[in-house]
């Protein structure tokens, strides 16, 4: 197939009448494809940490006593 034939097939596909169910499915597929593509291309691969990481911690030993942070 040449590029012109492919382009004509794409134009015919989008010119046809769509049922509401088909419209919803196409929109959902596009959104899900974008989400998956975003996860694959995201610079954060190890997840996101929520916290200030200022050194404060609440660490207890087996007896329930507070331990000091040793740094």
PDB file of N, CA and C in Angstrom:
ATOM      1  N   UNK A   1       0.834  -1.184   0.000  1.00  0.00           N
ATOM      2  CA  UNK A   1       0.000   0.000   0.000  1.00  0.00           C
ATOM      3  C   UNK A   1       0.877   1.245   0.000  1.00  0.00           C
ATOM      4  N   UNK A   2       0.458   2.177  -0.780  1.00  0.00           N
ATOM      5  CA  UNK A   2       1.194   3.434  -0.804  1.00  0.00           C
ATOM      6  C   UNK A   2       0.690   4.342   0.320  1.00  0.00           C
ATOM      7  N   UNK A   3       1.434   5.390   0.542  1.00  0.00           N
ATOM      8  CA  UNK A   3       1.062   6.329   1.603  1.00  0.00           C
ATOM      9  C   UNK A   3      -0.272   7.011   1.286  1.00  0.00           C
ATOM     10  N   UNK A   4      -0.529   7.276   0.021  1.00  0.00           N
ATOM     11  CA  UNK A   4      -1.789   7.926  -0.380  1.00  0.00           C
ATOM     12  C   UNK A   4      -2.981   7.009  -0.082  1.00  0.00           C
ATOM     13  N   UNK A   5      -2.851   5.714  -0.345  1.00  0.00           N
ATOM     14  CA  UNK A   5      -3.930   4.766  -0.067  1.00  0.00           C
ATOM     15  C   UNK A   5      -4.200   4.672   1.439  1.00  0.00           C
ATOM     16  N   UNK A   6      -3.130   4.670   2.219  1.00  0.00           N
ATOM     17  CA  UNK A   6      -3.291   4.623   3.671  1.00  0.00           C
ATOM     18  C   UNK A   6      -3.992   5.885   4.153  1.00  0.00           C
ATOM     19  N   UNK A   7      -3.578   7.037   3.638  1.00  0.00           N
ATOM     20  CA  UNK A   7      -4.186   8.303   4.034  1.00  0.00           C
ATOM     21  C   UNK A   7      -5.672   8.336   3.671  1.00  0.00           C
ATOM     22  N   UNK A   8      -6.018   7.846   2.503  1.00  0.00           N
ATOM     23  CA  UNK A   8      -7.429   7.798   2.089  1.00  0.00           C
ATOM     24  C   UNK A   8      -8.236   6.862   2.986  1.00  0.00           C
ATOM     25  N   UNK A   9      -7.653   5.736   3.367  1.00  0.00           N
ATOM     26  CA  UNK A   9      -8.337   4.806   4.256  1.00  0.00           C
ATOM     27  C   UNK A   9      -8.583   5.436   5.628  1.00  0.00           C
ATOM     28  N   UNK A  10      -7.603   6.186   6.117  1.00  0.00           N
ATOM     29  CA  UNK A  10      -7.768   6.873   7.402  1.00  0.00           C
ATOM     30  C   UNK A  10      -8.863   7.929   7.296  1.00  0.00           C
ATOM     31  N   UNK A  11      -8.868   8.695   6.213  1.00  0.00           N
ATOM     32  CA  UNK A  11      -9.906   9.722   6.037  1.00  0.00           C
ATOM     33  C   UNK A  11     -11.289   9.087   5.935  1.00  0.00           C
ATOM     34  N   UNK A  12     -11.411   7.973   5.204  1.00  0.00           N
ATOM     35  CA  UNK A  12     -12.703   7.277   5.108  1.00  0.00           C
ATOM     36  C   UNK A  12     -13.154   6.763   6.469  1.00  0.00           C
ATOM     37  N   UNK A  13     -12.204   6.287   7.263  1.00  0.00           N
ATOM     38  CA  UNK A  13     -12.530   5.780   8.596  1.00  0.00           C
ATOM     39  C   UNK A  13     -13.137   6.879   9.468  1.00  0.00           C
ATOM     40  N   UNK A  14     -12.571   8.076   9.417  1.00  0.00           N
ATOM     41  CA  UNK A  14     -13.060   9.156  10.261  1.00  0.00           C
ATOM     42  C   UNK A  14     -14.272   9.879   9.676  1.00  0.00           C
ATOM     43  N   UNK A  15     -14.556   9.716   8.416  1.00  0.00           N
ATOM     44  CA  UNK A  15     -15.722  10.357   7.797  1.00  0.00           C
ATOM     45  C   UNK A  15     -17.016   9.568   8.013  1.00  0.00           C
ATOM     46  N   UNK A  16     -16.908   8.299   8.342  1.00  0.00           N
ATOM     47  CA  UNK A  16     -18.121   7.487   8.456  1.00  0.00           C
ATOM     48  C   UNK A  16     -18.917   7.883   9.690  1.00  0.00           C
ATOM     49  N   UNK A  17     -20.175   7.467   9.742  1.00  0.00           N
ATOM     50  CA  UNK A  17     -21.039   7.757  10.879  1.00  0.00           C
ATOM     51  C   UNK A  17     -20.639   6.884  12.062  1.00  0.00           C
ATOM     52  N   UNK A  18     -20.603   7.490  13.223  1.00  0.00           N
ATOM     53  CA  UNK A  18     -20.196   6.805  14.433  1.00  0.00           C
ATOM     54  C   UNK A  18     -21.395   6.688  15.369  1.00  0.00           C
ATOM     55  N   UNK A  19     -21.504   5.534  15.990  1.00  0.00           N
ATOM     56  CA  UNK A  19     -22.516   5.390  17.036  1.00  0.00           C
ATOM     57  C   UNK A  19     -21.926   5.977  18.322  1.00  0.00           C
ATOM     58  N   UNK A  20     -22.765   6.350  19.278  1.00  0.00           N
ATOM     59  CA  UNK A  20     -22.222   6.881  20.538  1.00  0.00           C
ATOM     60  C   UNK A  20     -21.280   5.900  21.250  1.00  0.00           C
ATOM     61  N   UNK A  21     -21.579   4.623  21.174  1.00  0.00           N
ATOM     62  CA  UNK A  21     -20.714   3.634  21.817  1.00  0.00           C
ATOM     63  C   UNK A  21     -19.324   3.618  21.165  1.00  0.00           C
ATOM     64  N   UNK A  22     -19.289   3.721  19.843  1.00  0.00           N
ATOM     65  CA  UNK A  22     -17.997   3.747  19.156  1.00  0.00           C
ATOM     66  C   UNK A  22     -17.207   4.997  19.517  1.00  0.00           C
ATOM     67  N   UNK A  23     -17.885   6.125  19.630  1.00  0.00           N
ATOM     68  CA  UNK A  23     -17.206   7.366  20.000  1.00  0.00           C
ATOM     69  C   UNK A  23     -16.584   7.244  21.391  1.00  0.00           C
ATOM     70  N   UNK A  24     -17.345   6.685  22.328  1.00  0.00           N
ATOM     71  CA  UNK A  24     -16.844   6.535  23.695  1.00  0.00           C
ATOM     72  C   UNK A  24     -15.649   5.587  23.717  1.00  0.00           C
ATOM     73  N   UNK A  25     -15.733   4.488  22.974  1.00  0.00           N
ATOM     74  CA  UNK A  25     -14.625   3.534  22.961  1.00  0.00           C
ATOM     75  C   UNK A  25     -13.358   4.135  22.359  1.00  0.00           C
ATOM     76  N   UNK A  26     -13.499   4.901  21.305  1.00  0.00           N
ATOM     77  CA  UNK A  26     -12.325   5.533  20.693  1.00  0.00           C
ATOM     78  C   UNK A  26     -11.706   6.534  21.654  1.00  0.00           C
ATOM     79  N   UNK A  27     -12.530   7.330  22.326  1.00  0.00           N
ATOM     80  CA  UNK A  27     -12.009   8.308  23.277  1.00  0.00           C
ATOM     81  C   UNK A  27     -11.308   7.608  24.430  1.00  0.00           C
ATOM     82  N   UNK A  28     -11.916   6.548  24.975  1.00  0.00           N
ATOM     83  CA  UNK A  28     -11.287   5.811  26.071  1.00  0.00           C
ATOM     84  C   UNK A  28      -9.973   5.158  25.647  1.00  0.00           C
ATOM     85  N   UNK A  29      -9.944   4.615  24.451  1.00  0.00           N
ATOM     86  CA  UNK A  29      -8.705   4.002  23.956  1.00  0.00           C
ATOM     87  C   UNK A  29      -7.594   5.038  23.837  1.00  0.00           C
ATOM     88  N   UNK A  30      -7.930   6.215  23.344  1.00  0.00           N
ATOM     89  CA  UNK A  30      -6.926   7.273  23.213  1.00  0.00           C
ATOM     90  C   UNK A  30      -6.417   7.721  24.584  1.00  0.00           C
ATOM     91  N   UNK A  31      -7.321   7.865  25.535  1.00  0.00           N
ATOM     92  CA  UNK A  31      -6.915   8.278  26.878  1.00  0.00           C
ATOM     93  C   UNK A  31      -6.027   7.216  27.520  1.00  0.00           C
ATOM     94  N   UNK A  32      -6.428   5.957  27.439  1.00  0.00           N
ATOM     95  CA  UNK A  32      -5.634   4.887  28.039  1.00  0.00           C
ATOM     96  C   UNK A  32      -4.282   4.732  27.356  1.00  0.00           C
ATOM     97  N   UNK A  33      -4.238   4.913  26.050  1.00  0.00           N
ATOM     98  CA  UNK A  33      -2.958   4.864  25.341  1.00  0.00           C
ATOM     99  C   UNK A  33      -2.052   5.990  25.830  1.00  0.00           C
ATOM    100  N   UNK A  34      -2.609   7.168  26.035  1.00  0.00           N
ATOM    101  CA  UNK A  34      -1.820   8.286  26.545  1.00  0.00           C
ATOM    102  C   UNK A  34      -1.303   8.039  27.949  1.00  0.00           C
ATOM    103  N   UNK A  35      -2.122   7.426  28.794  1.00  0.00           N
ATOM    104  CA  UNK A  35      -1.684   7.118  30.160  1.00  0.00           C
ATOM    105  C   UNK A  35      -0.551   6.103  30.138  1.00  0.00           C
ATOM    106  N   UNK A  36      -0.699   5.061  29.353  1.00  0.00           N
ATOM    107  CA  UNK A  36       0.346   4.033  29.273  1.00  0.00           C
ATOM    108  C   UNK A  36       1.630   4.622  28.701  1.00  0.00           C
ATOM    109  N   UNK A  37       1.508   5.427  27.671  1.00  0.00           N
ATOM    110  CA  UNK A  37       2.685   6.071  27.073  1.00  0.00           C
ATOM    111  C   UNK A  37       3.351   6.997  28.089  1.00  0.00           C
ATOM    112  N   UNK A  38       2.549   7.709  28.870  1.00  0.00           N
ATOM    113  CA  UNK A  38       3.101   8.587  29.891  1.00  0.00           C
ATOM    114  C   UNK A  38       3.850   7.828  30.964  1.00  0.00           C
ATOM    115  N   UNK A  39       3.312   6.691  31.400  1.00  0.00           N
ATOM    116  CA  UNK A  39       4.014   5.876  32.394  1.00  0.00           C
ATOM    117  C   UNK A  39       5.342   5.362  31.839  1.00  0.00           C
ATOM    118  N   UNK A  40       5.353   4.990  30.583  1.00  0.00           N
ATOM    119  CA  UNK A  40       6.582   4.448  29.990  1.00  0.00           C
ATOM    120  C   UNK A  40       7.644   5.532  29.789  1.00  0.00           C
ATOM    121  N   UNK A  41       7.229   6.746  29.505  1.00  0.00           N
ATOM    122  CA  UNK A  41       8.179   7.819  29.225  1.00  0.00           C
ATOM    123  C   UNK A  41       8.477   8.701  30.434  1.00  0.00           C
ATOM    124  N   UNK A  42       7.849   8.452  31.567  1.00  0.00           N
ATOM    125  CA  UNK A  42       8.028   9.290  32.751  1.00  0.00           C
ATOM    126  C   UNK A  42       9.459   9.186  33.276  1.00  0.00           C
ATOM    127  N   UNK A  43      10.010  10.307  33.713  1.00  0.00           N
ATOM    128  CA  UNK A  43      11.375  10.263  34.252  1.00  0.00           C
ATOM    129  C   UNK A  43      11.465   9.595  35.614  1.00  0.00           C
ATOM    130  N   UNK A  44      10.357   9.532  36.329  1.00  0.00           N
ATOM    131  CA  UNK A  44      10.367   8.904  37.651  1.00  0.00           C
ATOM    132  C   UNK A  44      10.009   7.434  37.475  1.00  0.00           C
ATOM    133  N   UNK A  45      10.973   6.571  37.685  1.00  0.00           N
ATOM    134  CA  UNK A  45      10.738   5.140  37.508  1.00  0.00           C
ATOM    135  C   UNK A  45      10.615   4.406  38.837  1.00  0.00           C
ATOM    136  N   UNK A  46      11.059   5.023  39.937  1.00  0.00           N
ATOM    137  CA  UNK A  46      11.044   4.344  41.230  1.00  0.00           C
ATOM    138  C   UNK A  46       9.893   4.796  42.117  1.00  0.00           C
ATOM    139  N   UNK A  47       8.995   5.582  41.606  1.00  0.00           N
ATOM    140  CA  UNK A  47       7.868   6.030  42.402  1.00  0.00           C
ATOM    141  C   UNK A  47       8.084   7.409  42.990  1.00  0.00           C
ATOM    142  N   UNK A  48       7.109   7.854  43.728  1.00  0.00           N
ATOM    143  CA  UNK A  48       7.131   9.182  44.313  1.00  0.00           C
ATOM    144  C   UNK A  48       7.081   9.039  45.828  1.00  0.00           C
ATOM    145  N   UNK A  49       7.930   9.797  46.520  1.00  0.00           N
ATOM    146  CA  UNK A  49       7.914   9.817  47.972  1.00  0.00           C
ATOM    147  C   UNK A  49       7.241  11.099  48.426  1.00  0.00           C
ATOM    148  N   UNK A  50       6.331  10.977  49.362  1.00  0.00           N
ATOM    149  CA  UNK A  50       5.698  12.150  49.956  1.00  0.00           C
ATOM    150  C   UNK A  50       6.265  12.335  51.344  1.00  0.00           C
ATOM    151  N   UNK A  51       6.945  13.423  51.558  1.00  0.00           N
ATOM    152  CA  UNK A  51       7.526  13.703  52.868  1.00  0.00           C
ATOM    153  C   UNK A  51       8.606  14.742  52.733  1.00  0.00           C
ATOM    154  N   UNK A  52       9.002  15.314  53.843  1.00  0.00           N
ATOM    155  CA  UNK A  52      10.001  16.381  53.790  1.00  0.00           C
ATOM    156  C   UNK A  52      11.420  15.845  53.935  1.00  0.00           C
ATOM    157  N   UNK A  53      11.602  14.648  54.475  1.00  0.00           N
ATOM    158  CA  UNK A  53      12.923  14.028  54.651  1.00  0.00           C
ATOM    159  C   UNK A  53      13.892  14.956  55.375  1.00  0.00           C
ATOM    160  N   UNK A  54      13.447  15.582  56.474  1.00  0.00           N
ATOM    161  CA  UNK A  54      14.294  16.498  57.214  1.00  0.00           C
ATOM    162  C   UNK A  54      15.090  15.814  58.316  1.00  0.00           C
ATOM    163  N   UNK A  55      15.002  14.515  58.433  1.00  0.00           N
ATOM    164  CA  UNK A  55      15.772  13.786  59.426  1.00  0.00           C
ATOM    165  C   UNK A  55      14.970  13.381  60.638  1.00  0.00           C
ATOM    166  N   UNK A  56      13.805  13.934  60.844  1.00  0.00           N
ATOM    167  CA  UNK A  56      12.978  13.533  61.977  1.00  0.00           C
ATOM    168  C   UNK A  56      12.408  12.150  61.703  1.00  0.00           C
ATOM    169  N   UNK A  57      12.512  11.276  62.677  1.00  0.00           N
ATOM    170  CA  UNK A  57      11.952   9.944  62.495  1.00  0.00           C
ATOM    171  C   UNK A  57      11.458   9.419  63.837  1.00  0.00           C
ATOM    172  N   UNK A  58      10.529   8.556  63.769  1.00  0.00           N
ATOM    173  CA  UNK A  58       9.961   7.929  64.947  1.00  0.00           C
ATOM    174  C   UNK A  58      10.252   6.439  64.859  1.00  0.00           C
ATOM    175  N   UNK A  59      11.395   6.044  65.359  1.00  0.00           N
ATOM    176  CA  UNK A  59      11.827   4.656  65.291  1.00  0.00           C
ATOM    177  C   UNK A  59      11.749   4.068  66.693  1.00  0.00           C
ATOM    178  N   UNK A  60      11.128   2.918  66.812  1.00  0.00           N
ATOM    179  CA  UNK A  60      11.047   2.252  68.108  1.00  0.00           C
ATOM    180  C   UNK A  60      11.725   0.896  68.029  1.00  0.00           C
ATOM    181  N   UNK A  61      12.178   0.437  69.181  1.00  0.00           N
ATOM    182  CA  UNK A  61      12.758  -0.911  69.226  1.00  0.00           C
ATOM    183  C   UNK A  61      11.654  -1.906  69.544  1.00  0.00           C
ATOM    184  N   UNK A  62      12.023  -3.135  69.811  1.00  0.00           N
ATOM    185  CA  UNK A  62      11.029  -4.183  70.036  1.00  0.00           C
ATOM    186  C   UNK A  62      10.202  -3.952  71.303  1.00  0.00           C
ATOM    187  N   UNK A  63      10.778  -3.234  72.293  1.00  0.00           N
ATOM    188  CA  UNK A  63      10.053  -2.959  73.529  1.00  0.00           C
ATOM    189  C   UNK A  63       9.156  -1.731  73.421  1.00  0.00           C
ATOM    190  N   UNK A  64       9.211  -1.024  72.310  1.00  0.00           N
ATOM    191  CA  UNK A  64       8.384   0.158  72.134  1.00  0.00           C
ATOM    192  C   UNK A  64       9.050   1.444  72.574  1.00  0.00           C
ATOM    193  N   UNK A  65      10.336   1.404  72.915  1.00  0.00           N
ATOM    194  CA  UNK A  65      11.059   2.600  73.336  1.00  0.00           C
ATOM    195  C   UNK A  65      11.552   3.353  72.114  1.00  0.00           C
ATOM    196  N   UNK A  66      11.615   4.674  72.256  1.00  0.00           N
ATOM    197  CA  UNK A  66      12.076   5.499  71.133  1.00  0.00           C
ATOM    198  C   UNK A  66      13.577   5.364  70.967  1.00  0.00           C
ATOM    199  N   UNK A  67      14.018   5.252  69.760  1.00  0.00           N
ATOM    200  CA  UNK A  67      15.446   5.195  69.449  1.00  0.00           C
ATOM    201  C   UNK A  67      15.884   6.527  68.868  1.00  0.00           C
ATOM    202  N   UNK A  68      17.114   6.903  69.177  1.00  0.00           N
ATOM    203  CA  UNK A  68      17.661   8.122  68.587  1.00  0.00           C
ATOM    204  C   UNK A  68      18.191   7.794  67.203  1.00  0.00           C
ATOM    205  N   UNK A  69      18.065   8.750  66.318  1.00  0.00           N
ATOM    206  CA  UNK A  69      18.562   8.572  64.966  1.00  0.00           C
ATOM    207  C   UNK A  69      20.071   8.701  64.973  1.00  0.00           C
ATOM    208  N   UNK A  70      20.790   7.684  64.569  1.00  0.00           N
ATOM    209  CA  UNK A  70      22.252   7.695  64.592  1.00  0.00           C
ATOM    210  C   UNK A  70      22.764   8.076  63.229  1.00  0.00           C
ATOM    211  N   UNK A  71      23.254   9.312  63.147  1.00  0.00           N
ATOM    212  CA  UNK A  71      23.836   9.777  61.869  1.00  0.00           C
ATOM    213  C   UNK A  71      25.159  10.404  62.103  1.00  0.00           C
TER     214      UNK A  71
END
